[in-house]
């Protein structure tokens, strides 16, 4: 009796061990949660071949799309909110790596009245659209970078000032109905504002008595320093 019992117990333990081993997976076999797009990726330096969400895409969308009556949190036209990363990914149906299947990109390249930003607002430039496309192709990451060295001495309008204005201001200040009646689409228009009682500096520095611009958040200190240097140098068209 005792011998038969021990024999049966031995067979039982062998079966348990076999089943346990059969259910084990190596770490590579165990499916993990879908990580989705990378978030909160911050690098010390800016790679010229990378399009950064915080530096380029977010200010561009806030300036050109996320205003009252369109795609801010209060208006959310057609349920689309373009004020922050998660809402941009979810409500604008961004498919990381696939701009052709991303609603955000497809509405930018439309040529009829369905394009975004809608008429009479100015359409995104081909360069701006290319940046959105490249950002999506690179994984639509919530990334940012910081210039390791801010060169606010060797500043030119074409290479530094105009790109800052294009990304952060032209969405509101262009087209047939610019915000506040102020257009910033070219050198002459930008100089006119910069020379008007320090209006450009006052707004970007958020000084008392000036409307704080951009409305989505203050420019980084390096960009402000570059604009200040350019104005102090006499606003050259260089």
Protein backbone atom coordinates (compact mmCIF):
# COMPACT_ATOMS: atom_id res chain seq x y z
CA UNK A 1 0.00 0.00 0.00
CA UNK A 2 2.69 2.48 1.04
CA UNK A 3 4.85 1.52 -1.95
CA UNK A 4 1.95 2.04 -4.39
CA UNK A 5 1.14 5.40 -2.86
CA UNK A 6 4.74 6.61 -3.20
CA UNK A 7 4.79 5.43 -6.81
CA UNK A 8 1.64 7.37 -7.62
CA UNK A 9 2.99 10.49 -5.87
CA UNK A 10 6.20 10.27 -7.91
CA UNK A 11 4.26 10.13 -11.16
CA UNK A 12 2.15 13.09 -10.02
CA UNK A 13 5.20 15.24 -9.26
CA UNK A 14 6.80 14.38 -12.60
CA UNK A 15 3.59 15.49 -14.37
CA UNK A 16 3.51 18.77 -12.43
CA UNK A 17 7.13 19.54 -13.33
CA UNK A 18 6.48 18.70 -16.98
CA UNK A 19 3.43 20.97 -17.19
CA UNK A 20 5.22 23.79 -15.38
CA UNK A 21 8.16 23.60 -17.79
CA UNK A 22 5.85 23.43 -20.77
CA UNK A 23 4.17 26.70 -19.72
CA UNK A 24 7.40 28.62 -19.24
CA UNK A 25 8.43 31.19 -21.85
CA UNK A 26 11.72 32.88 -22.39
CA UNK A 27 11.55 36.66 -21.87
CA UNK A 28 11.50 37.20 -25.63
CA UNK A 29 8.43 34.94 -25.97
CA UNK A 30 6.28 36.82 -23.47
CA UNK A 31 4.31 39.57 -25.20
CA UNK A 32 4.60 42.90 -23.41
CA UNK A 33 2.26 45.87 -23.56
CA UNK A 34 2.29 47.96 -26.71
CA UNK A 35 4.60 50.86 -25.79
CA UNK A 36 3.03 53.20 -28.34
CA UNK A 37 4.93 56.30 -29.43
CA UNK A 38 7.92 57.25 -27.31
CA UNK A 39 7.13 59.91 -24.73
CA UNK A 40 9.12 62.44 -22.76
CA UNK A 41 12.31 61.91 -24.73
CA UNK A 42 14.63 64.82 -24.07
CA UNK A 43 18.10 65.10 -25.49
CA UNK A 44 20.84 67.50 -24.55
CA UNK A 45 21.69 68.49 -28.11
CA UNK A 46 19.68 69.01 -31.27
CA UNK A 47 20.28 66.66 -34.18
CA UNK A 48 19.73 68.55 -37.46
CA UNK A 49 18.28 65.39 -39.03
CA UNK A 50 15.60 64.99 -36.34
CA UNK A 51 12.29 66.83 -36.14
CA UNK A 52 11.45 67.45 -32.47
CA UNK A 53 7.85 67.60 -31.28
CA UNK A 54 8.28 70.13 -28.49
CA UNK A 55 10.62 72.39 -30.46
CA UNK A 56 8.90 72.38 -33.86
CA UNK A 57 5.64 70.44 -34.22
CA UNK A 58 3.78 71.62 -31.10
CA UNK A 59 4.37 75.37 -31.61
CA UNK A 60 3.53 74.99 -35.29
CA UNK A 61 0.19 73.31 -34.55
CA UNK A 62 -0.64 75.65 -31.68
CA UNK A 63 0.05 78.66 -33.87
CA UNK A 64 -1.76 77.45 -36.96
CA UNK A 65 -4.54 75.22 -35.64
CA UNK A 66 -5.14 75.24 -31.88
CA UNK A 67 -6.91 78.57 -31.57
CA UNK A 68 -10.39 79.47 -30.39
CA UNK A 69 -13.05 78.25 -32.79
CA UNK A 70 -10.82 75.57 -34.25
CA UNK A 71 -8.82 72.93 -32.40
CA UNK A 72 -8.18 74.23 -28.90
CA UNK A 73 -9.47 72.32 -25.88
CA UNK A 74 -12.65 74.40 -25.62
CA UNK A 75 -13.66 74.36 -29.29
CA UNK A 76 -12.33 70.93 -30.36
CA UNK A 77 -13.82 71.23 -33.84
CA UNK A 78 -14.78 67.76 -35.12
CA UNK A 79 -13.41 66.37 -31.86
CA UNK A 80 -9.83 67.29 -32.75
CA UNK A 81 -7.65 68.93 -30.09
CA UNK A 82 -4.16 70.05 -31.07
CA UNK A 83 -2.88 71.60 -27.85
CA UNK A 84 -0.76 68.76 -26.45
CA UNK A 85 0.99 65.56 -27.49
CA UNK A 86 -1.53 62.94 -26.41
CA UNK A 87 -4.49 64.75 -27.95
CA UNK A 88 -2.59 65.33 -31.18
CA UNK A 89 -1.77 61.63 -31.43
CA UNK A 90 -5.28 60.43 -30.52
CA UNK A 91 -7.70 62.97 -31.95
CA UNK A 92 -5.71 63.79 -35.10
CA UNK A 93 -5.23 60.05 -35.67
CA UNK A 94 -1.47 60.13 -36.08
CA UNK A 95 -0.03 56.78 -37.14
CA UNK A 96 3.66 56.76 -36.16
CA UNK A 97 5.81 55.90 -39.15
CA UNK A 98 2.92 56.29 -41.60
CA UNK A 99 2.10 59.89 -42.57
CA UNK A 100 -0.03 58.73 -45.51
CA UNK A 101 -2.45 57.08 -43.07
CA UNK A 102 -2.38 59.94 -40.53
CA UNK A 103 -5.30 62.36 -40.57
CA UNK A 104 -3.08 65.17 -39.30
CA UNK A 105 -0.88 64.98 -42.38
CA UNK A 106 -3.64 64.31 -44.90
CA UNK A 107 -5.60 67.46 -44.02
CA UNK A 108 -2.48 69.60 -44.36
CA UNK A 109 -1.90 68.56 -47.96
CA UNK A 110 -5.49 69.02 -49.14
CA UNK A 111 -5.95 71.73 -51.78
CA UNK A 112 -9.69 72.41 -51.36
CA UNK A 113 -11.70 74.05 -48.60
CA UNK A 114 -11.19 70.99 -46.39
CA UNK A 115 -7.52 71.74 -45.92
CA UNK A 116 -6.09 72.75 -42.57
CA UNK A 117 -5.64 75.47 -41.59
CA UNK A 118 -8.87 76.37 -43.42
CA UNK A 119 -9.23 79.40 -45.70
CA UNK A 120 -8.92 82.36 -45.27
CA UNK A 121 -6.05 81.35 -42.99
CA UNK A 122 -2.76 80.73 -44.73
CA UNK A 123 -1.93 77.12 -45.56
CA UNK A 124 1.19 75.57 -44.07
CA UNK A 125 4.20 76.09 -46.26
CA UNK A 126 5.72 73.13 -48.11
CA UNK A 127 8.62 73.27 -45.66
CA UNK A 128 6.31 73.12 -42.64
CA UNK A 129 4.32 70.24 -44.13
CA UNK A 130 7.58 68.41 -44.81
CA UNK A 131 8.52 68.78 -41.13
CA UNK A 132 5.22 67.28 -39.99
CA UNK A 133 5.68 64.42 -42.44
CA UNK A 134 9.24 63.77 -41.29
CA UNK A 135 8.21 63.85 -37.63
CA UNK A 136 5.58 61.19 -38.28
CA UNK A 137 8.01 59.13 -40.37
CA UNK A 138 10.49 59.26 -37.47
CA UNK A 139 7.94 57.73 -35.13
CA UNK A 140 5.86 60.75 -34.03
CA UNK A 141 7.80 60.90 -30.77
CA UNK A 142 7.15 63.28 -27.88
CA UNK A 143 10.74 64.45 -28.07
CA UNK A 144 12.61 67.68 -27.52
CA UNK A 145 16.13 69.01 -27.56
CA UNK A 146 18.13 71.88 -26.15
CA UNK A 147 20.86 73.70 -27.97
CA UNK A 148 24.05 72.89 -26.11
CA UNK A 149 25.42 76.32 -27.02
CA UNK A 150 23.13 79.23 -27.82
CA UNK A 151 24.81 81.42 -30.41
CA UNK A 152 23.03 84.74 -29.95
CA UNK A 153 25.94 86.68 -31.50
CA UNK A 154 26.06 85.47 -35.09
CA UNK A 155 22.39 85.97 -35.89
CA UNK A 156 20.82 86.41 -39.32
CA UNK A 157 17.23 87.06 -40.35
CA UNK A 158 17.07 84.27 -42.92
CA UNK A 159 18.74 81.54 -40.85
CA UNK A 160 17.45 82.33 -37.37
CA UNK A 161 14.75 85.01 -37.01
CA UNK A 162 12.40 84.06 -39.84
CA UNK A 163 12.31 80.32 -38.91
CA UNK A 164 11.39 81.25 -35.32
CA UNK A 165 8.57 83.51 -36.54
CA UNK A 166 7.38 80.92 -39.07
CA UNK A 167 7.10 78.17 -36.47
CA UNK A 168 5.67 80.16 -33.58
CA UNK A 169 3.76 83.12 -35.01
CA UNK A 170 2.74 82.85 -38.65
CA UNK A 171 -0.20 80.54 -38.00
CA UNK A 172 -2.05 83.40 -36.31
CA UNK A 173 -0.39 86.26 -38.17
CA UNK A 174 -0.81 85.37 -41.82
CA UNK A 175 -3.53 84.87 -44.38
CA UNK A 176 -6.51 87.08 -45.21
CA UNK A 177 -7.63 87.50 -41.59
CA UNK A 178 -4.52 87.70 -39.37
CA UNK A 179 -4.87 87.97 -35.61
CA UNK A 180 -4.94 91.59 -34.44
CA UNK A 181 -4.58 92.71 -38.04
CA UNK A 182 -0.85 91.95 -37.80
CA UNK A 183 0.82 89.95 -40.56
CA UNK A 184 4.29 88.45 -40.11
CA UNK A 185 4.77 86.71 -43.44
CA UNK A 186 7.86 88.52 -44.69
CA UNK A 187 10.81 90.67 -43.68
CA UNK A 188 9.11 94.06 -44.12
CA UNK A 189 6.11 93.07 -42.02
CA UNK A 190 8.25 91.66 -39.22
CA UNK A 191 10.50 94.73 -39.17
CA UNK A 192 7.43 96.98 -38.95
CA UNK A 193 6.33 95.23 -35.75
CA UNK A 194 9.87 95.04 -34.35
CA UNK A 195 10.31 98.81 -34.86
CA UNK A 196 6.95 99.73 -33.35
CA UNK A 197 7.87 100.76 -29.81
CA UNK A 198 9.59 97.43 -29.11
CA UNK A 199 6.26 95.66 -29.72
CA UNK A 200 7.87 92.43 -30.93
CA UNK A 201 10.23 92.17 -27.97
CA UNK A 202 7.53 93.16 -25.50
CA UNK A 203 5.17 90.45 -26.68
CA UNK A 204 7.71 87.61 -26.82
CA UNK A 205 9.19 88.57 -23.44
CA UNK A 206 5.67 88.76 -21.95
CA UNK A 207 6.36 92.24 -20.57
CA UNK A 208 3.61 94.23 -18.79
CA UNK A 209 1.45 96.20 -21.20
CA UNK A 210 1.98 93.78 -24.12
CA UNK A 211 -0.08 90.83 -25.28
CA UNK A 212 1.84 87.68 -24.37
CA UNK A 213 2.85 85.85 -27.53
CA UNK A 214 2.93 83.11 -28.62
CA UNK A 215 -0.31 82.29 -26.79
CA UNK A 216 0.71 78.63 -26.42
CA UNK A 217 3.70 79.49 -24.23
CA UNK A 218 6.73 81.73 -24.01
CA UNK A 219 9.59 81.24 -26.46
CA UNK A 220 12.74 79.61 -25.12
CA UNK A 221 15.42 81.97 -23.86
CA UNK A 222 17.77 81.24 -26.76
CA UNK A 223 15.16 82.29 -29.34
CA UNK A 224 14.39 85.46 -27.38
CA UNK A 225 18.11 86.25 -27.18
CA UNK A 226 18.49 85.84 -30.95
CA UNK A 227 15.56 88.14 -31.70
CA UNK A 228 16.90 90.71 -29.21
CA UNK A 229 20.33 90.64 -30.85
CA UNK A 230 18.83 91.02 -34.32
CA UNK A 231 16.77 94.03 -33.23
CA UNK A 232 19.75 95.61 -31.42
CA UNK A 233 21.79 95.17 -34.61
CA UNK A 234 19.25 97.29 -36.51
CA UNK A 235 17.00 94.48 -37.90
CA UNK A 236 19.24 93.68 -40.90
CA UNK A 237 17.85 91.67 -43.81
CA UNK A 238 20.75 89.24 -43.72
